[in-house]
Protein backbone atom coordinates (compact mmCIF):
# COMPACT_ATOMS: atom_id res chain seq x y z
CA MET A 1 7.61 21.24 -17.14
CA SER A 2 9.20 22.43 -13.94
CA LEU A 3 8.13 22.97 -10.44
CA GLN A 4 8.33 26.86 -11.04
CA ASP A 5 5.37 26.28 -13.33
CA PHE A 6 3.21 25.30 -10.55
CA GLY A 7 4.32 27.69 -8.29
CA TYR A 8 6.82 25.84 -6.30
CA LYS A 9 10.51 25.71 -5.87
CA GLU A 10 13.09 22.56 -5.71
CA GLN A 11 13.44 21.68 -1.98
CA LEU A 12 13.91 17.65 -2.48
CA HIS A 13 16.65 16.05 -3.98
CA ARG A 14 16.40 14.63 -7.58
CA ALA A 15 18.25 11.23 -7.42
CA LEU A 16 16.04 8.46 -8.24
CA THR A 17 16.12 6.61 -11.71
CA THR A 18 13.07 4.62 -13.20
CA ARG A 19 14.65 1.35 -11.78
CA ASP A 20 14.72 2.84 -8.20
CA LEU A 21 11.22 3.91 -8.65
CA ILE A 22 10.19 0.22 -9.64
CA ILE A 23 12.08 -1.25 -6.83
CA TYR A 24 10.40 1.32 -4.45
CA GLY A 25 7.13 0.42 -5.63
CA MET A 26 7.77 -3.54 -5.26
CA ILE A 27 9.31 -2.91 -1.73
CA PHE A 28 6.25 -0.96 -0.78
CA MET A 29 4.01 -3.41 -2.08
CA LEU A 30 6.03 -6.34 -0.64
CA PRO A 31 6.46 -9.36 -3.07
CA ILE A 32 5.83 -11.60 -0.13
CA ALA A 33 2.95 -9.57 1.26
CA PRO A 34 0.39 -12.58 1.14
CA TYR A 35 2.43 -14.43 3.93
CA ALA A 36 0.98 -12.13 6.63
CA VAL A 37 -2.82 -12.19 5.14
CA PHE A 38 -3.08 -15.53 3.55
CA GLY A 39 -5.23 -16.86 6.61
CA LEU A 40 -7.41 -14.07 6.47
CA VAL A 41 -8.02 -14.16 2.74
CA TRP A 42 -8.55 -17.80 2.86
CA GLU A 43 -11.42 -17.53 5.25
CA ALA A 44 -13.01 -14.62 3.52
CA SER A 45 -12.70 -16.43 0.06
CA LYS A 46 -13.62 -19.80 0.99
CA GLY A 47 -10.35 -21.07 -0.30
CA MET A 48 -10.16 -19.02 -3.72
CA VAL A 49 -7.10 -16.83 -2.46
CA PRO A 50 -5.62 -16.52 -5.91
CA LEU A 51 -8.98 -15.29 -7.39
CA ALA A 52 -9.21 -12.67 -4.73
CA TYR A 53 -5.80 -11.49 -5.64
CA LEU A 54 -6.71 -11.44 -9.51
CA VAL A 55 -9.77 -9.20 -8.77
CA GLY A 56 -7.60 -6.85 -6.51
CA LEU A 57 -5.03 -6.78 -9.58
CA ALA A 58 -7.69 -5.85 -12.08
CA GLY A 59 -8.99 -2.98 -9.95
CA MET A 60 -5.44 -1.67 -9.18
CA PHE A 61 -4.27 -1.80 -12.61
CA PHE A 62 -6.76 0.61 -13.88
CA THR A 63 -6.04 2.76 -10.70
CA ALA A 64 -2.43 2.49 -11.89
CA LEU A 65 -3.26 3.78 -15.27
CA SER A 66 -5.10 6.75 -13.84
CA TYR A 67 -2.16 7.50 -11.66
CA ALA A 68 0.10 7.38 -14.60
CA ALA A 69 -2.11 9.66 -16.59
CA MET A 70 -2.25 12.35 -13.79
CA SER A 71 1.71 12.13 -12.88
CA ARG A 72 2.32 13.16 -16.41
CA ALA A 73 -0.07 16.36 -16.03
CA PHE A 74 1.06 17.12 -12.32
CA PRO A 75 4.71 16.01 -11.71
CA LEU A 76 4.48 16.85 -7.96
CA ALA A 77 4.78 15.27 -4.63
CA GLY A 78 1.71 14.67 -3.17
CA SER A 79 0.02 11.63 -4.87
CA VAL A 80 -3.68 11.63 -5.15
CA TYR A 81 -3.91 14.60 -2.93
CA THR A 82 -2.21 16.63 -5.77
CA TYR A 83 -4.20 15.09 -8.62
CA ALA A 84 -7.68 15.46 -7.12
CA GLN A 85 -6.92 19.02 -6.07
CA ARG A 86 -5.57 20.23 -9.53
CA GLY A 87 -7.84 17.52 -11.46
CA LEU A 88 -11.05 18.32 -9.87
CA HIS A 89 -11.15 20.91 -7.08
CA GLU A 90 -9.20 22.16 -4.10
CA THR A 91 -11.85 20.80 -1.53
CA ALA A 92 -11.54 17.35 -3.35
CA GLY A 93 -7.82 17.61 -3.24
CA PHE A 94 -8.08 18.08 0.55
CA PHE A 95 -10.46 15.08 1.22
CA SER A 96 -8.41 12.81 -1.26
CA GLY A 97 -5.29 13.50 0.81
CA TRP A 98 -7.14 13.18 4.04
CA LEU A 99 -8.43 9.75 3.19
CA ILE A 100 -5.09 8.61 1.63
CA LEU A 101 -3.35 9.66 4.86
CA LEU A 102 -5.86 7.07 6.66
CA ASP A 103 -4.04 4.58 4.45
CA TYR A 104 -0.40 5.77 4.79
CA ILE A 105 -0.23 6.69 8.42
CA LEU A 106 -1.82 3.39 9.51
CA VAL A 107 0.17 1.18 7.20
CA PRO A 108 3.42 1.20 9.05
CA SER A 109 1.82 0.44 12.23
CA LEU A 110 -0.10 -2.55 10.73
CA LEU A 111 3.15 -3.83 9.20
CA TYR A 112 4.76 -3.79 12.73
CA LEU A 113 1.89 -5.65 14.24
CA PHE A 114 2.09 -8.11 11.53
CA SER A 115 5.76 -8.57 12.28
CA ALA A 116 5.41 -8.73 16.06
CA VAL A 117 2.67 -11.52 15.55
CA ALA A 118 4.94 -13.50 13.51
CA LEU A 119 7.85 -13.32 16.02
CA ARG A 120 5.70 -14.29 18.99
CA PRO A 121 6.28 -18.14 18.44
CA ILE A 122 9.96 -17.61 18.33
CA PHE A 123 10.34 -14.96 21.23
CA PRO A 124 7.19 -15.22 23.25
CA ALA A 125 8.67 -13.59 26.10
CA VAL A 126 9.47 -10.11 24.22
CA PRO A 127 6.41 -7.94 24.18
CA ALA A 128 4.92 -6.58 21.01
CA TRP A 129 5.83 -2.73 22.32
CA VAL A 130 9.81 -3.56 22.26
CA TRP A 131 9.50 -4.75 18.42
CA LEU A 132 7.63 -1.69 17.60
CA THR A 133 9.87 0.47 19.03
CA GLY A 134 13.09 -0.99 17.50
CA PHE A 135 11.44 -1.36 14.22
CA ILE A 136 10.04 2.43 14.17
CA SER A 137 13.21 3.87 15.27
CA PHE A 138 15.43 1.99 12.67
CA ASN A 139 13.06 3.01 9.72
CA ALA A 140 13.00 6.60 11.00
CA ILE A 141 16.83 6.97 10.93
CA VAL A 142 17.29 5.57 7.38
CA ASN A 143 14.53 7.85 6.04
CA LEU A 144 16.18 10.83 7.61
CA LEU A 145 19.51 10.13 6.00
CA GLY A 146 18.08 10.79 2.50
CA ILE A 147 16.30 9.06 -0.47
CA GLU A 148 19.65 7.70 -1.92
CA PHE A 149 20.40 5.91 1.14
CA THR A 150 16.63 4.64 1.48
CA ALA A 151 16.83 3.46 -2.24
CA ARG A 152 20.10 1.59 -1.43
CA VAL A 153 18.65 -0.31 1.24
CA ASN A 154 15.57 -1.19 -0.86
CA ARG A 155 17.73 -2.90 -3.58
CA TYR A 156 19.08 -5.32 -0.85
CA MET A 157 15.69 -6.13 0.72
CA LEU A 158 14.29 -6.93 -2.76
CA VAL A 159 16.89 -9.48 -3.22
CA MET A 160 16.35 -11.01 0.09
CA GLU A 161 12.42 -11.16 -0.65
CA LEU A 162 12.70 -12.57 -4.06
CA SER A 163 15.22 -15.17 -2.87
CA THR A 164 12.75 -16.46 -0.09
CA LEU A 165 9.84 -16.38 -2.45
CA ALA A 166 11.79 -18.56 -5.14
CA LEU A 167 12.75 -20.92 -2.48
CA PHE A 168 8.81 -21.27 -1.51
CA VAL A 169 7.93 -21.78 -4.83
CA GLY A 170 10.29 -24.41 -5.70
CA LEU A 171 9.97 -26.34 -2.53
CA GLY A 172 6.02 -25.90 -2.57
CA LEU A 173 5.92 -27.15 -6.37
CA ASN A 174 8.09 -30.10 -5.56
CA ALA A 175 5.86 -31.08 -2.46
CA LEU A 176 2.71 -30.71 -4.46
CA TYR A 177 3.71 -32.78 -7.25
CA HIS A 178 4.97 -35.61 -4.67
CA GLY A 179 1.40 -35.92 -3.32
CA VAL A 180 1.08 -33.33 -0.76
CA GLY A 181 -2.21 -31.29 -0.38
CA ALA A 182 -4.04 -31.31 -3.76
CA GLY A 183 -1.09 -33.38 -5.41
CA GLY A 184 -0.68 -30.75 -8.03
CA LEU A 185 -1.88 -27.28 -9.24
CA THR A 186 -5.70 -27.26 -9.66
CA LEU A 187 -8.37 -24.74 -10.70
CA LYS A 188 -10.10 -24.75 -7.53
CA PRO A 189 -8.14 -21.77 -6.13
CA ILE A 190 -9.10 -19.86 -9.09
CA TYR A 191 -12.90 -21.00 -9.22
CA ASN A 192 -14.78 -23.42 -7.20
CA PRO A 193 -18.21 -23.41 -8.14
CA GLN A 194 -19.58 -25.05 -4.93
CA VAL A 195 -18.60 -21.80 -2.84
CA PHE A 196 -18.23 -19.06 -5.67
CA SER A 197 -20.23 -15.86 -5.23
CA TRP A 198 -19.23 -12.31 -6.10
CA SER A 199 -20.06 -11.00 -2.60
CA THR A 200 -17.66 -13.75 -1.32
CA VAL A 201 -14.91 -12.70 -3.92
CA ALA A 202 -15.38 -8.96 -3.26
CA GLY A 203 -15.37 -9.54 0.61
CA ALA A 204 -11.84 -11.23 0.24
CA THR A 205 -10.77 -8.75 -2.19
CA SER A 206 -11.14 -6.06 0.35
CA ILE A 207 -8.60 -7.90 2.49
CA ALA A 208 -6.33 -8.98 -0.29
CA VAL A 209 -6.05 -5.58 -1.81
CA PHE A 210 -4.09 -4.52 1.23
CA SER A 211 -1.21 -6.34 -0.36
CA PHE A 212 -1.34 -4.00 -3.33
CA LEU A 213 -1.27 -0.82 -1.65
CA GLY A 214 2.03 0.78 -2.19
CA PHE A 215 2.33 1.07 -6.03
CA ASP A 216 0.62 4.39 -5.47
CA GLY A 217 3.31 5.57 -3.10
CA ILE A 218 5.56 6.00 -6.25
CA SER A 219 3.88 9.03 -7.13
CA THR A 220 4.85 10.71 -3.86
CA LEU A 221 8.42 10.60 -5.10
CA SER A 222 7.73 12.76 -8.32
CA GLU A 223 9.96 15.55 -7.02
CA GLU A 224 12.78 13.15 -6.38
CA SER A 225 12.74 11.55 -9.67
CA ARG A 226 15.38 12.35 -12.28
CA GLY A 227 13.52 10.82 -15.25
CA ASN A 228 11.20 12.24 -17.72
CA LEU A 229 7.40 12.78 -17.28
CA ASN A 230 6.64 9.10 -18.12
CA ALA A 231 8.93 7.78 -15.47
CA ILE A 232 6.38 8.03 -12.57
CA GLY A 233 3.67 6.36 -14.73
CA ARG A 234 5.77 3.56 -16.16
CA ALA A 235 7.28 2.58 -12.75
CA THR A 236 3.71 2.58 -11.25
CA VAL A 237 2.46 0.21 -13.76
CA TRP A 238 5.42 -2.17 -14.00
CA SER A 239 5.71 -2.56 -10.44
CA LEU A 240 2.10 -3.56 -10.06
CA LEU A 241 1.98 -6.08 -12.80
CA LEU A 242 5.28 -7.82 -11.52
CA VAL A 243 4.31 -7.86 -8.00
CA GLY A 244 0.64 -8.88 -8.83
CA ALA A 245 2.10 -11.79 -10.88
CA LEU A 246 3.88 -13.08 -7.83
CA PHE A 247 1.14 -12.64 -5.62
CA MET A 248 -1.09 -15.10 -7.76
CA LEU A 249 1.83 -17.55 -8.18
CA GLN A 250 2.76 -17.81 -4.45
CA THR A 251 -1.05 -18.00 -3.20
CA TRP A 252 -2.04 -20.48 -6.06
CA ILE A 253 0.79 -22.94 -4.65
CA ALA A 254 -0.10 -22.20 -1.13
CA THR A 255 -3.89 -22.78 -1.66
CA ASP A 256 -3.48 -26.20 -3.18
CA LEU A 257 -0.87 -26.99 -0.46
CA ALA A 258 -3.20 -26.20 2.10
CA GLN A 259 -5.93 -28.67 0.79
CA GLY A 260 -7.13 -30.73 3.75
CA MET A 261 -5.27 -28.60 6.55
CA ARG A 262 -6.84 -27.01 9.59
CA PHE A 263 -5.00 -23.70 10.54
CA SER A 264 -4.31 -23.09 14.31
CA SER A 265 -4.83 -19.34 13.39
CA PRO A 266 -5.46 -17.10 10.31
CA ASP A 267 -2.31 -15.12 11.32
CA THR A 268 -0.06 -18.11 11.09
CA ALA A 269 -1.82 -19.86 8.02
CA PHE A 270 0.89 -19.18 5.49
CA TYR A 271 3.91 -20.37 7.82
CA GLU A 272 2.04 -23.48 8.59
CA VAL A 273 1.65 -24.27 4.87
CA ALA A 274 5.43 -23.44 4.30
CA GLU A 275 6.30 -26.03 6.94
CA ARG A 276 4.27 -28.66 5.23
CA ALA A 277 6.14 -27.77 1.91
CA GLY A 278 9.59 -27.70 3.38
CA GLY A 279 9.54 -28.40 7.09
CA VAL A 280 10.22 -26.56 10.09
CA TRP A 281 13.28 -24.76 8.78
CA LEU A 282 11.20 -23.41 5.85
CA ARG A 283 8.54 -22.03 8.30
CA LEU A 284 11.45 -20.31 10.17
CA ILE A 285 12.94 -18.64 7.09
CA THR A 286 9.49 -17.52 5.94
CA ILE A 287 8.83 -16.07 9.30
CA LEU A 288 12.08 -14.04 9.50
CA ALA A 289 11.76 -13.11 5.70
CA ILE A 290 8.36 -11.61 6.16
CA VAL A 291 9.42 -10.02 9.61
CA ILE A 292 12.26 -8.04 7.87
CA ALA A 293 10.58 -7.44 4.81
CA GLN A 294 7.29 -5.89 6.51
CA ALA A 295 8.91 -4.28 9.49
CA ILE A 296 11.87 -2.66 7.71
CA ALA A 297 11.54 -2.55 3.95
CA ASN A 298 7.67 -2.13 3.59
CA ALA A 299 7.35 0.19 6.66
CA MET A 300 10.31 2.28 5.67
CA ALA A 301 8.59 2.76 2.22
CA ALA A 302 5.26 3.64 3.62
CA GLN A 303 7.06 6.16 6.12
CA ALA A 304 8.77 7.82 3.26
CA ALA A 305 5.74 8.16 1.15
CA VAL A 306 3.42 9.54 4.10
CA SER A 307 6.08 12.08 4.98
CA ARG A 308 5.83 13.36 1.42
CA ILE A 309 2.12 13.62 1.49
CA LEU A 310 2.43 15.48 4.61
CA PHE A 311 5.04 17.61 3.02
CA ALA A 312 2.76 18.46 0.02
CA MET A 313 -0.44 19.11 2.02
CA ALA A 314 1.52 21.59 4.62
CA ARG A 315 3.25 23.45 1.64
CA ASP A 316 -0.23 24.27 0.29
CA GLY A 317 -1.44 25.34 3.67
CA LYS A 318 -3.78 22.33 4.26
CA LEU A 319 -1.79 21.02 7.31
CA PRO A 320 0.47 22.84 9.81
CA ALA A 321 3.42 24.30 8.02
CA ILE A 322 5.95 22.71 10.24
CA PHE A 323 5.26 19.45 8.22
CA ALA A 324 6.77 21.15 5.06
CA LYS A 325 10.11 21.60 6.76
CA VAL A 326 13.00 20.02 4.89
CA HIS A 327 16.28 18.79 6.29
CA PRO A 328 18.99 21.31 5.08
CA ARG A 329 21.53 18.48 4.70
CA TYR A 330 19.57 15.59 3.92
CA LYS A 331 16.87 17.03 1.86
CA THR A 332 14.17 15.06 3.52
CA PRO A 333 10.94 16.20 5.12
CA TYR A 334 12.16 15.30 8.56
CA VAL A 335 9.44 16.55 10.96
CA GLY A 336 6.72 14.64 8.92
CA THR A 337 9.11 11.49 9.25
CA LEU A 338 9.53 11.97 13.03
CA ALA A 339 5.58 12.44 13.37
CA VAL A 340 4.90 9.56 11.36
CA ALA A 341 7.25 7.58 13.77
CA LEU A 342 5.28 8.62 16.81
CA VAL A 343 1.85 8.09 15.39
CA SER A 344 3.04 4.64 14.17
CA LEU A 345 3.93 3.59 17.91
CA LEU A 346 0.79 4.89 19.31
CA VAL A 347 -1.48 3.24 16.70
CA GLY A 348 0.30 0.13 17.00
CA LEU A 349 -0.02 -0.06 20.82
CA PHE A 350 -3.77 0.86 20.48
CA PHE A 351 -4.58 -2.01 17.69
CA ALA A 352 -2.24 -4.48 19.03
CA ALA A 353 -5.24 -6.85 19.63
CA ARG A 354 -7.25 -5.65 16.79
CA VAL A 355 -4.92 -6.35 13.63
CA ASP A 356 -7.99 -7.27 11.56
CA ASP A 357 -9.83 -4.11 12.25
CA LEU A 358 -6.81 -2.07 11.41
CA THR A 359 -6.41 -3.74 7.99
CA GLN A 360 -9.95 -2.91 6.85
CA VAL A 361 -9.62 0.69 7.95
CA VAL A 362 -6.48 1.14 6.03
CA ASN A 363 -7.82 -0.34 3.00
CA PHE A 364 -10.98 1.94 3.28
CA GLY A 365 -8.71 4.90 3.27
CA ALA A 366 -7.01 3.87 0.15
CA LEU A 367 -9.81 2.94 -1.99
CA THR A 368 -12.02 5.87 -1.31
CA GLY A 369 -8.97 8.04 -2.35
CA PHE A 370 -8.63 6.03 -5.41
CA VAL A 371 -12.10 6.67 -6.42
CA LEU A 372 -11.37 10.55 -6.30
CA LEU A 373 -8.33 9.60 -8.35
CA HIS A 374 -10.40 8.13 -11.21
CA LEU A 375 -12.80 11.23 -11.04
CA SER A 376 -9.99 13.32 -11.47
CA VAL A 377 -8.81 11.70 -14.71
CA ILE A 378 -12.17 12.01 -16.20
CA ASN A 379 -12.45 15.58 -15.19
CA HIS A 380 -9.09 16.68 -16.14
CA TYR A 381 -8.90 14.93 -19.39
CA LEU A 382 -12.26 14.45 -20.83
CA VAL A 383 -14.21 17.54 -19.45
CA ARG A 384 -11.45 20.26 -19.29
CA ARG A 385 -8.95 19.24 -22.09
CA ARG A 386 -11.49 17.73 -24.30
CA SER A 387 -9.62 14.76 -24.94
CA GLY A 388 -10.87 12.31 -27.49
CA ASP A 389 -9.00 9.39 -26.02
CA TRP A 390 -12.05 7.83 -24.36
CA LEU A 391 -10.48 4.66 -23.61
CA ARG A 392 -7.68 5.77 -21.36
CA HIS A 393 -9.56 8.77 -20.11
CA PHE A 394 -13.03 7.58 -19.48
CA ILE A 395 -13.35 3.68 -19.88
CA PHE A 396 -10.34 2.62 -18.01
CA PRO A 397 -10.95 5.06 -15.13
CA LEU A 398 -14.43 4.33 -15.05
CA THR A 399 -14.00 0.37 -14.95
CA GLY A 400 -11.31 0.92 -12.25
CA MET A 401 -13.65 3.04 -10.06
CA VAL A 402 -16.76 0.70 -10.39
CA ILE A 403 -14.59 -2.29 -9.28
CA ILE A 404 -13.26 -0.25 -6.32
CA LEU A 405 -16.84 0.90 -5.41
CA TYR A 406 -18.02 -2.69 -5.38
CA VAL A 407 -15.23 -3.70 -3.02
CA LEU A 408 -15.95 -0.81 -0.77
CA TYR A 409 -19.82 -1.86 -0.73
CA GLU A 410 -18.87 -5.35 0.34
CA MET A 411 -16.32 -4.23 2.91
CA ASP A 412 -16.87 -5.03 6.48
CA ARG A 413 -19.19 -2.60 8.36
CA ALA A 414 -17.01 -1.72 11.13
CA ALA A 415 -14.37 -0.55 8.55
CA LYS A 416 -16.96 1.74 6.94
CA THR A 417 -17.93 2.99 10.31
CA LEU A 418 -14.44 4.07 11.17
CA GLY A 419 -13.78 5.43 7.76
CA ALA A 420 -16.97 7.43 7.98
CA CYS A 421 -15.72 8.84 11.45
CA TRP A 422 -12.32 9.55 9.87
CA ILE A 423 -14.23 11.61 7.16
CA GLY A 424 -16.41 13.38 9.70
CA ILE A 425 -13.25 14.57 11.51
CA GLY A 426 -11.85 15.91 8.11
CA ILE A 427 -15.10 17.71 7.47
CA VAL A 428 -14.80 19.38 10.85
CA TYR A 429 -11.00 20.40 10.45
CA TYR A 430 -11.54 21.48 6.77
CA ALA A 431 -14.44 23.73 8.02
CA VAL A 432 -11.99 25.24 10.72
CA LEU A 433 -9.45 25.82 8.02
CA ALA A 434 -11.70 27.53 5.77
CA LEU A 435 -13.21 29.85 8.57
CA ARG A 436 -9.53 30.57 9.69
CA SER A 437 -8.35 31.49 6.13
CA LYS A 438 -11.43 34.07 5.93
CA LYS A 439 -10.14 36.12 8.79
CA PRO A 440 -8.73 39.46 8.18
CA GLY A 441 -4.97 39.12 8.31
CA VAL A 442 -4.71 35.50 8.17
CA ALA A 443 -3.13 34.10 4.84
């Protein structure tokens, strides 16, 4: 099945192997992502951090299966926008793309802010806007130079992240079994009957799930994959499972190490745990690792993904055509890349003192887009194609959708309000777009 079968021509460069796609997914999710949000999840989950990540992994696993199913049917750039458009309806496609943009456009800004916060104790005199400008400029240049160059940078970044994580795990376990914190691994971080409730877990999961966002970005590279139709789906599932296991391992160790601690701030909680495990030098290494991983590796992947979403929606006339422009030499959607860089800077400056709100809004956009994805699988395979595979094409997507809807229900009210405002803006924009397309002489 080629792009011509769907009415498109090849414009991007097919250079990525399945291994490249898995690495991209892991980089986008960030194997050490819990470093940045550990304190927030700790507070929301009442100390059951790995449980929040386990529930998040369950929900995202079923979502990954839905991405795999739709990527086989529609091997196109555009991710959930394309899948809902072709699996449900053109209107559903627009709104799924609109919602996922809320995730992808804001994620880079959030990552830059997390990094600026982490650097504040080391460089207190440097204002946040300096870090924002530097990181954004670097990532924009790398993404403009082509997907092969980006993939090469991703490999080096993944090695750095996994090395840092291995260091924390080793020193953390050593400290635990020498009497620090809980004095060893316990079951309390997974289930504490004294504070457990499903609403508590769901509320914490709505924050923890931010760490998983990124496996879905693999599907935006469908037109740059040189593998078969299963490559995108395989890479999506494997990257999610690998990173999910790492999330649970590090947060389990960190939660038991943190027993009896009082954090100076939720933003610096994990770094304080790292200092307890290995001293000031481990805290410093942890901070530098998360800064490099978030502000460069992770944000670079996010910027690449959102530029492809803009490219796909503009190619179909759902956004201004300028976003569909591809650089003649580097074969990258360069206008979208530069636009995302500018938006990241503006959003980062606006939310500099409201990082928690930005985290919740990002998750709202992604999760609501995932709901439409699951509906697309059911409609495309079960209704249209009369598939007899009820497990993969009904039970799995329905389960994933129920988990996500529950997490959305328990999400912070402010996040749902801001998300609803974004949907409202989308409705107005889509109405204008529909009216314009009906005018005589307008394509």
